[in-house]
Amino acid sequence: MPVIPLAATTRGYPDTAHLPDYAIENVHLGSVAVVDTSGRLLWSAGDPDYPTFTRSALKPFQALPFILADGPARFGLSGDEVALLCASHSGEDKHLAGVSSILSKIGLDPGHLECGCAVPLHYEFTGQKPPPDGHWTPLHHNCSGKHSGFLAWCRLHDAPTAGYVERAHPLQQAVRATLAETIGMAPDAMPVGLDGCSAPNYAMPLSRLAHLYARLAHGPKDPKLGGALGTLRDAMIARPDLVSGEERTDLHWMTAGGGDWVTKIGADAVQAIGIRSAGIGIAIKIVDGNVRALHPAVYAVLDQLGLLNAARREMLERYRQPAIKNARGAVAGDIRTLFKLTRQA
């Protein structure tokens, strides 16, 4: 099935005496898959099997080999530190302190991180300018928590820490094998790509990503990986502020979910959400990678599935139909959704 229009941006000239008359300016195509814990497709829009690079939505499952090996207990990691293994954090003080603690517990330091350096996301999402004299290290990179988990796996298995991001490294082979087994695909059937943090990343049908999150939300009730998925889920929903950061969408979605929703965004407009009470997983991809189109689409999916009560609507209103403003703050248009989910079962 083809991808379909999921969202559009509009532009107009508001008249203070009348409702603004906006015209569509840009259309963003994409797909949605909603599955149950068995992987059965329940709802969709566009192509539910659209091949999708998972990007940071994969992080809980990149941590899975370490969790399955009882790594947190071996090194005395707290639940907060497990949350950071799954994080695309904002580089706030609490994020830096948590990742530093993980590295200290495994006997390493930020110099061992191979994620590269990046300006903390905190500045972008809170509308602040980074200080001109800012000095950034790999610790500030939003993926440093994931990479500290990679290094912890290496220490646990007496594997080399240098080059742990390379595809041939035992760690990355373990991640690929565990992921393939979890989603029921042959390892060589998952396209591999280089992620922004230099680690391998994998593509899969959108419905398989949704299934991963249905199982993650199911947590300890998962028949194969219950204990490990429960550890990851509980850590993420307990500290969504560590998984993301101030003014970040994952923090807002999981806070609104009140412990029922576990979610992770990925770069280039991919979002995965598990809903424990409904026994479902949701995956959404905007084909052109435009994140501003993603958030209203996520809201629309949650709304159409009947998951938004009055309190949640109020908490998430900013994402329903965001205004587009010009440099003077005048509203020039908005971002609105164009799709309806189709029931498959």
Protein backbone atom coordinates (compact mmCIF):
# COMPACT_ATOMS: atom_id res chain seq x y z
CA MET A 1 0.00 0.00 0.00
CA PRO A 2 1.23 3.53 -0.67
CA VAL A 3 1.99 6.12 1.95
CA ILE A 4 -0.72 8.77 2.29
CA PRO A 5 -0.99 12.43 3.33
CA LEU A 6 -0.86 12.49 7.13
CA ALA A 7 -0.40 16.20 7.80
CA ALA A 8 -0.35 19.55 6.05
CA THR A 9 0.94 23.00 6.80
CA THR A 10 -1.27 25.92 5.88
CA ARG A 11 -0.74 29.58 5.21
CA GLY A 12 -3.12 32.50 5.12
CA TYR A 13 -3.69 36.08 6.19
CA PRO A 14 -5.70 36.19 9.39
CA ASP A 15 -8.50 38.74 9.56
CA THR A 16 -9.24 39.83 13.10
CA ALA A 17 -12.94 40.19 12.23
CA HIS A 18 -13.34 36.71 10.81
CA LEU A 19 -11.98 33.22 11.21
CA PRO A 20 -8.65 32.86 9.36
CA ASP A 21 -8.97 31.36 5.90
CA TYR A 22 -5.90 29.19 5.46
CA ALA A 23 -4.84 27.31 2.34
CA ILE A 24 -2.71 24.19 2.30
CA GLU A 25 0.93 24.98 1.49
CA ASN A 26 2.79 21.71 2.19
CA VAL A 27 1.67 18.10 2.53
CA HIS A 28 3.60 15.48 4.48
CA LEU A 29 3.13 11.82 3.56
CA GLY A 30 3.51 8.95 5.96
CA SER A 31 2.11 5.78 7.47
CA VAL A 32 0.74 4.47 10.75
CA ALA A 33 0.59 0.94 12.15
CA VAL A 34 -1.29 -0.14 15.28
CA VAL A 35 -0.85 -3.75 16.40
CA ASP A 36 -1.64 -5.91 19.42
CA THR A 37 0.83 -7.83 21.55
CA SER A 38 0.76 -10.76 19.13
CA GLY A 39 1.68 -8.47 16.23
CA ARG A 40 -1.78 -8.57 14.64
CA LEU A 41 -2.54 -5.39 12.70
CA LEU A 42 -5.55 -3.60 14.18
CA TRP A 43 -5.53 -0.13 12.61
CA SER A 44 -3.49 1.53 9.90
CA ALA A 45 -3.07 4.53 7.63
CA GLY A 46 -0.98 4.34 4.50
CA ASP A 47 1.47 1.45 4.38
CA PRO A 48 1.65 -0.31 7.77
CA ASP A 49 4.71 -2.24 6.59
CA TYR A 50 6.59 0.81 5.31
CA PRO A 51 10.34 0.07 5.65
CA THR A 52 11.48 2.39 8.43
CA PHE A 53 14.84 3.12 9.99
CA THR A 54 14.06 3.02 13.67
CA ARG A 55 16.65 5.60 14.75
CA SER A 56 16.38 6.42 18.47
CA ALA A 57 13.08 4.56 18.83
CA LEU A 58 15.31 1.49 18.88
CA LYS A 59 17.19 2.49 22.04
CA PRO A 60 15.36 0.29 24.58
CA PHE A 61 16.05 -2.70 22.35
CA GLN A 62 19.68 -1.77 21.84
CA ALA A 63 19.93 -1.98 25.63
CA LEU A 64 18.18 -5.36 25.69
CA PRO A 65 21.30 -7.60 25.50
CA PHE A 66 22.74 -5.81 28.54
CA ILE A 67 19.47 -6.19 30.46
CA LEU A 68 19.14 -9.88 29.52
CA ALA A 69 22.65 -10.48 30.88
CA ASP A 70 21.58 -9.00 34.23
CA GLY A 71 23.93 -6.08 33.64
CA PRO A 72 22.16 -3.54 35.89
CA ALA A 73 22.46 -5.83 38.92
CA ARG A 74 26.07 -6.69 38.06
CA PHE A 75 27.10 -3.03 38.14
CA GLY A 76 24.55 -1.76 40.64
CA LEU A 77 22.72 0.49 38.20
CA SER A 78 19.62 2.24 39.49
CA GLY A 79 16.30 2.45 37.69
CA ASP A 80 17.13 6.04 36.78
CA GLU A 81 20.36 4.88 35.16
CA VAL A 82 18.50 2.19 33.21
CA ALA A 83 16.20 4.95 31.89
CA LEU A 84 19.26 6.78 30.61
CA LEU A 85 20.30 3.71 28.61
CA CYS A 86 17.12 4.32 26.58
CA ALA A 87 17.41 8.08 26.41
CA SER A 88 17.80 10.81 23.84
CA HIS A 89 18.52 13.18 26.68
CA SER A 90 18.82 16.95 26.59
CA GLY A 91 22.17 17.28 28.31
CA GLU A 92 20.68 18.79 31.46
CA ASP A 93 22.68 18.54 34.67
CA LYS A 94 20.75 15.48 35.84
CA HIS A 95 21.42 13.72 32.54
CA LEU A 96 25.14 14.42 32.69
CA ALA A 97 25.31 13.31 36.32
CA GLY A 98 23.47 10.07 35.56
CA VAL A 99 25.64 9.10 32.61
CA SER A 100 28.77 10.01 34.58
CA SER A 101 27.57 7.72 37.36
CA ILE A 102 27.11 4.82 34.95
CA LEU A 103 30.60 5.31 33.53
CA SER A 104 32.07 5.49 37.03
CA LYS A 105 30.36 2.24 38.05
CA ILE A 106 31.85 0.40 35.07
CA GLY A 107 35.31 1.91 35.61
CA LEU A 108 35.39 4.14 32.52
CA ASP A 109 35.14 7.85 31.72
CA PRO A 110 33.60 10.07 29.02
CA GLY A 111 36.71 9.68 26.90
CA HIS A 112 35.61 6.12 26.12
CA LEU A 113 32.33 7.28 24.54
CA GLU A 114 32.34 7.01 20.74
CA CYS A 115 29.13 8.95 20.06
CA GLY A 116 30.86 12.20 19.14
CA CYS A 117 30.19 15.65 20.58
CA ALA A 118 27.04 17.71 20.22
CA VAL A 119 25.47 20.84 21.67
CA PRO A 120 23.01 19.77 24.39
CA LEU A 121 19.44 19.60 23.09
CA HIS A 122 18.30 21.53 26.14
CA TYR A 123 19.07 24.83 24.43
CA GLU A 124 17.04 24.07 21.32
CA PHE A 125 13.95 22.87 23.14
CA THR A 126 13.85 25.63 25.74
CA GLY A 127 14.51 28.39 23.21
CA GLN A 128 17.87 29.35 24.66
CA LYS A 129 21.11 30.13 22.87
CA PRO A 130 24.13 28.00 23.77
CA PRO A 131 26.85 30.00 25.52
CA PRO A 132 29.50 31.18 23.04
CA ASP A 133 32.22 29.69 25.21
CA GLY A 134 30.45 26.35 25.68
CA HIS A 135 32.72 23.33 25.71
CA TRP A 136 30.99 20.11 24.72
CA THR A 137 32.22 16.58 25.23
CA PRO A 138 30.70 13.22 24.23
CA LEU A 139 28.96 13.27 27.61
CA HIS A 140 26.69 16.06 26.30
CA HIS A 141 25.61 14.07 23.24
CA ASN A 142 21.96 13.01 23.51
CA CYS A 143 22.99 9.37 22.97
CA SER A 144 25.65 9.23 25.69
CA GLY A 145 23.35 7.21 27.95
CA LYS A 146 22.88 4.55 25.29
CA HIS A 147 26.61 4.49 24.68
CA SER A 148 27.36 4.11 28.37
CA GLY A 149 25.15 1.02 28.23
CA PHE A 150 27.10 -0.23 25.23
CA LEU A 151 30.31 0.17 27.19
CA ALA A 152 28.76 -1.57 30.21
CA TRP A 153 27.97 -4.60 27.99
CA CYS A 154 31.60 -4.64 26.88
CA ARG A 155 32.86 -4.57 30.46
CA LEU A 156 30.38 -7.26 31.46
CA HIS A 157 31.58 -9.57 28.69
CA ASP A 158 35.29 -8.64 28.76
CA ALA A 159 34.97 -7.31 25.21
CA PRO A 160 37.14 -4.48 23.83
CA THR A 161 35.77 -1.03 24.59
CA ALA A 162 37.56 0.57 21.64
CA GLY A 163 35.56 0.31 18.44
CA TYR A 164 32.37 -0.83 20.17
CA VAL A 165 30.29 1.04 17.55
CA GLU A 166 31.66 -1.00 14.65
CA ARG A 167 29.29 -3.49 13.02
CA ALA A 168 31.73 -6.38 13.54
CA HIS A 169 32.19 -5.73 17.27
CA PRO A 170 30.72 -8.48 19.50
CA LEU A 171 28.40 -5.93 21.12
CA GLN A 172 26.81 -4.86 17.85
CA GLN A 173 26.55 -8.46 16.72
CA ALA A 174 24.69 -9.21 19.96
CA VAL A 175 22.36 -6.24 19.45
CA ARG A 176 21.58 -7.30 15.88
CA ALA A 177 21.01 -10.95 16.79
CA THR A 178 18.81 -10.13 19.79
CA LEU A 179 16.76 -7.63 17.80
CA ALA A 180 16.27 -10.04 14.89
CA GLU A 181 15.12 -12.80 17.22
CA THR A 182 12.78 -10.44 19.05
CA ILE A 183 11.01 -9.23 15.90
CA GLY A 184 11.14 -12.59 14.12
CA MET A 185 13.31 -11.56 11.18
CA ALA A 186 16.55 -12.95 9.85
CA PRO A 187 19.45 -10.69 10.86
CA ASP A 188 20.46 -10.12 7.24
CA ALA A 189 16.86 -9.13 6.38
CA MET A 190 17.16 -5.95 8.45
CA PRO A 191 18.80 -3.14 6.44
CA VAL A 192 21.60 -1.52 8.43
CA GLY A 193 22.56 2.14 8.42
CA LEU A 194 24.97 4.40 10.28
CA ASP A 195 23.10 6.39 12.92
CA GLY A 196 23.87 9.95 13.98
CA CYS A 197 25.80 8.69 17.01
CA SER A 198 27.93 6.32 14.86
CA ALA A 199 26.25 3.10 16.05
CA PRO A 200 24.53 0.75 13.60
CA ASN A 201 20.81 1.30 13.22
CA TYR A 202 18.28 -1.03 11.63
CA ALA A 203 15.24 -0.69 9.41
CA MET A 204 12.16 -2.85 9.67
CA PRO A 205 8.50 -2.78 8.62
CA LEU A 206 6.63 -0.13 10.58
CA SER A 207 4.30 -2.79 11.99
CA ARG A 208 7.28 -4.64 13.49
CA LEU A 209 8.35 -1.49 15.30
CA ALA A 210 4.80 -1.12 16.61
CA HIS A 211 4.94 -4.74 17.80
CA LEU A 212 8.16 -4.07 19.71
CA TYR A 213 6.41 -1.32 21.64
CA ALA A 214 3.27 -3.35 22.26
CA ARG A 215 5.53 -5.92 23.91
CA LEU A 216 7.53 -3.26 25.76
CA ALA A 217 4.31 -1.84 27.22
CA HIS A 218 3.23 -5.39 28.14
CA GLY A 219 6.45 -5.56 30.15
CA PRO A 220 6.66 -8.46 32.59
CA LYS A 221 3.67 -10.14 30.96
CA ASP A 222 5.60 -10.71 27.72
CA PRO A 223 5.93 -14.51 27.43
CA LYS A 224 9.54 -14.47 26.17
CA LEU A 225 11.25 -11.33 27.46
CA GLY A 226 9.02 -10.30 30.34
CA GLY A 227 11.61 -9.65 32.99
CA ALA A 228 13.89 -7.63 30.73
CA LEU A 229 11.10 -5.68 29.04
CA GLY A 230 9.56 -4.98 32.42
CA THR A 231 12.85 -3.53 33.66
CA LEU A 232 13.13 -1.26 30.62
CA ARG A 233 9.49 -0.18 30.61
CA ASP A 234 9.34 0.56 34.32
CA ALA A 235 12.52 2.65 34.15
CA MET A 236 11.26 4.68 31.18
CA ILE A 237 7.80 5.46 32.55
CA ALA A 238 9.17 6.25 36.01
CA ARG A 239 11.58 8.87 34.65
CA PRO A 240 10.42 10.22 31.29
CA ASP A 241 12.37 13.38 32.12
CA LEU A 242 15.56 11.33 31.94
CA VAL A 243 14.50 9.61 28.71
CA SER A 244 14.03 13.04 27.11
CA GLY A 245 14.16 16.41 28.86
CA GLU A 246 12.44 19.70 29.54
CA GLU A 247 9.89 20.68 26.88
CA ARG A 248 10.43 17.43 24.97
CA THR A 249 7.62 15.42 23.40
CA ASP A 250 8.48 12.05 24.97
CA LEU A 251 8.28 13.67 28.40
CA HIS A 252 4.89 15.15 27.55
CA TRP A 253 3.44 11.97 26.01
CA MET A 254 4.54 9.73 28.88
CA THR A 255 3.46 12.23 31.53
CA ALA A 256 0.01 12.41 29.94
CA GLY A 257 -0.07 8.62 29.85
CA GLY A 258 0.31 8.50 33.62
CA GLY A 259 2.38 5.30 33.59
CA ASP A 260 0.26 3.61 30.92
CA TRP A 261 2.19 4.86 27.87
CA VAL A 262 5.82 4.14 27.03
CA THR A 263 7.17 6.02 24.04
CA LYS A 264 10.29 7.00 22.18
CA ILE A 265 10.85 9.36 19.28
CA GLY A 266 13.46 8.74 16.62
CA ALA A 267 15.24 11.18 14.34
CA ASP A 268 13.68 11.99 10.98
CA ALA A 269 10.12 11.79 12.27
CA VAL A 270 9.53 8.31 13.60
CA GLN A 271 7.57 7.68 16.80
CA ALA A 272 6.75 4.46 18.64
CA ILE A 273 4.30 4.16 21.53
CA GLY A 274 3.16 1.25 23.65
CA ILE A 275 -0.17 1.44 25.50
CA ARG A 276 -0.28 -1.04 28.35
CA SER A 277 -4.02 -0.87 29.18
CA ALA A 278 -5.05 -1.29 25.54
CA GLY A 279 -2.47 -3.97 24.77
CA ILE A 280 -1.31 -2.17 21.63
CA GLY A 281 1.74 -0.70 20.00
CA ILE A 282 1.74 2.27 17.65
CA ALA A 283 4.38 3.31 15.12
CA ILE A 284 4.24 6.43 12.95
CA LYS A 285 6.61 7.59 10.21
CA ILE A 286 6.58 10.88 8.30
CA VAL A 287 8.28 10.02 5.01
CA ASP A 288 10.06 13.34 4.45
CA GLY A 289 11.41 13.33 8.01
CA ASN A 290 9.67 16.56 9.00
CA VAL A 291 9.21 16.40 12.75
CA ARG A 292 6.74 19.28 12.91
CA ALA A 293 4.29 17.06 10.99
CA LEU A 294 4.90 14.13 13.33
CA HIS A 295 3.54 15.57 16.56
CA PRO A 296 0.02 16.41 15.30
CA ALA A 297 -0.08 12.98 13.67
CA VAL A 298 0.73 11.32 17.01
CA TYR A 299 -2.00 13.35 18.71
CA ALA A 300 -4.49 12.39 16.00
CA VAL A 301 -3.70 8.68 16.33
CA LEU A 302 -4.12 8.77 20.11
CA ASP A 303 -7.36 10.72 19.70
CA GLN A 304 -8.82 8.42 17.05
CA LEU A 305 -8.02 5.39 19.20
CA GLY A 306 -10.02 6.92 22.07
CA LEU A 307 -7.01 7.32 24.34
CA LEU A 308 -7.42 11.03 25.13
CA ASN A 309 -9.66 11.97 28.00
CA ALA A 310 -10.29 15.60 28.94
CA ALA A 311 -7.19 15.86 31.13
CA ARG A 312 -4.93 14.39 28.47
CA ARG A 313 -6.40 16.67 25.81
CA GLU A 314 -5.59 19.67 27.95
CA MET A 315 -2.03 18.47 28.61
CA LEU A 316 -1.36 17.74 24.93
CA GLU A 317 -3.33 20.54 23.27
CA ARG A 318 -0.10 22.15 22.00
CA TYR A 319 0.30 19.22 19.58
CA ARG A 320 -3.25 19.01 18.22
CA GLN A 321 -3.03 21.74 15.57
CA PRO A 322 0.04 23.89 16.27
CA ALA A 323 0.08 27.43 14.97
CA ILE A 324 2.78 28.56 12.56
CA LYS A 325 4.06 32.00 13.52
CA ASN A 326 6.27 34.44 11.70
CA ALA A 327 9.25 36.36 13.11
CA ARG A 328 6.94 38.95 14.69
CA GLY A 329 4.84 36.31 16.40
CA ALA A 330 1.85 36.70 14.08
CA VAL A 331 -0.02 33.51 13.23
CA ALA A 332 0.52 32.72 9.54
CA GLY A 333 -1.00 29.24 9.44
CA ASP A 334 -1.07 25.93 11.24
CA ILE A 335 -0.19 22.25 11.04
CA ARG A 336 -3.21 19.98 10.70
CA THR A 337 -3.78 16.29 10.12
CA LEU A 338 -5.48 14.83 7.05
CA PHE A 339 -6.02 11.14 7.78
CA LYS A 340 -8.39 8.69 9.40
CA LEU A 341 -7.23 5.34 10.69
CA THR A 342 -8.67 2.29 8.96
CA ARG A 343 -9.70 -0.64 11.13
CA GLN A 344 -8.12 -3.90 10.01
CA ALA A 345 -9.52 -6.39 12.47
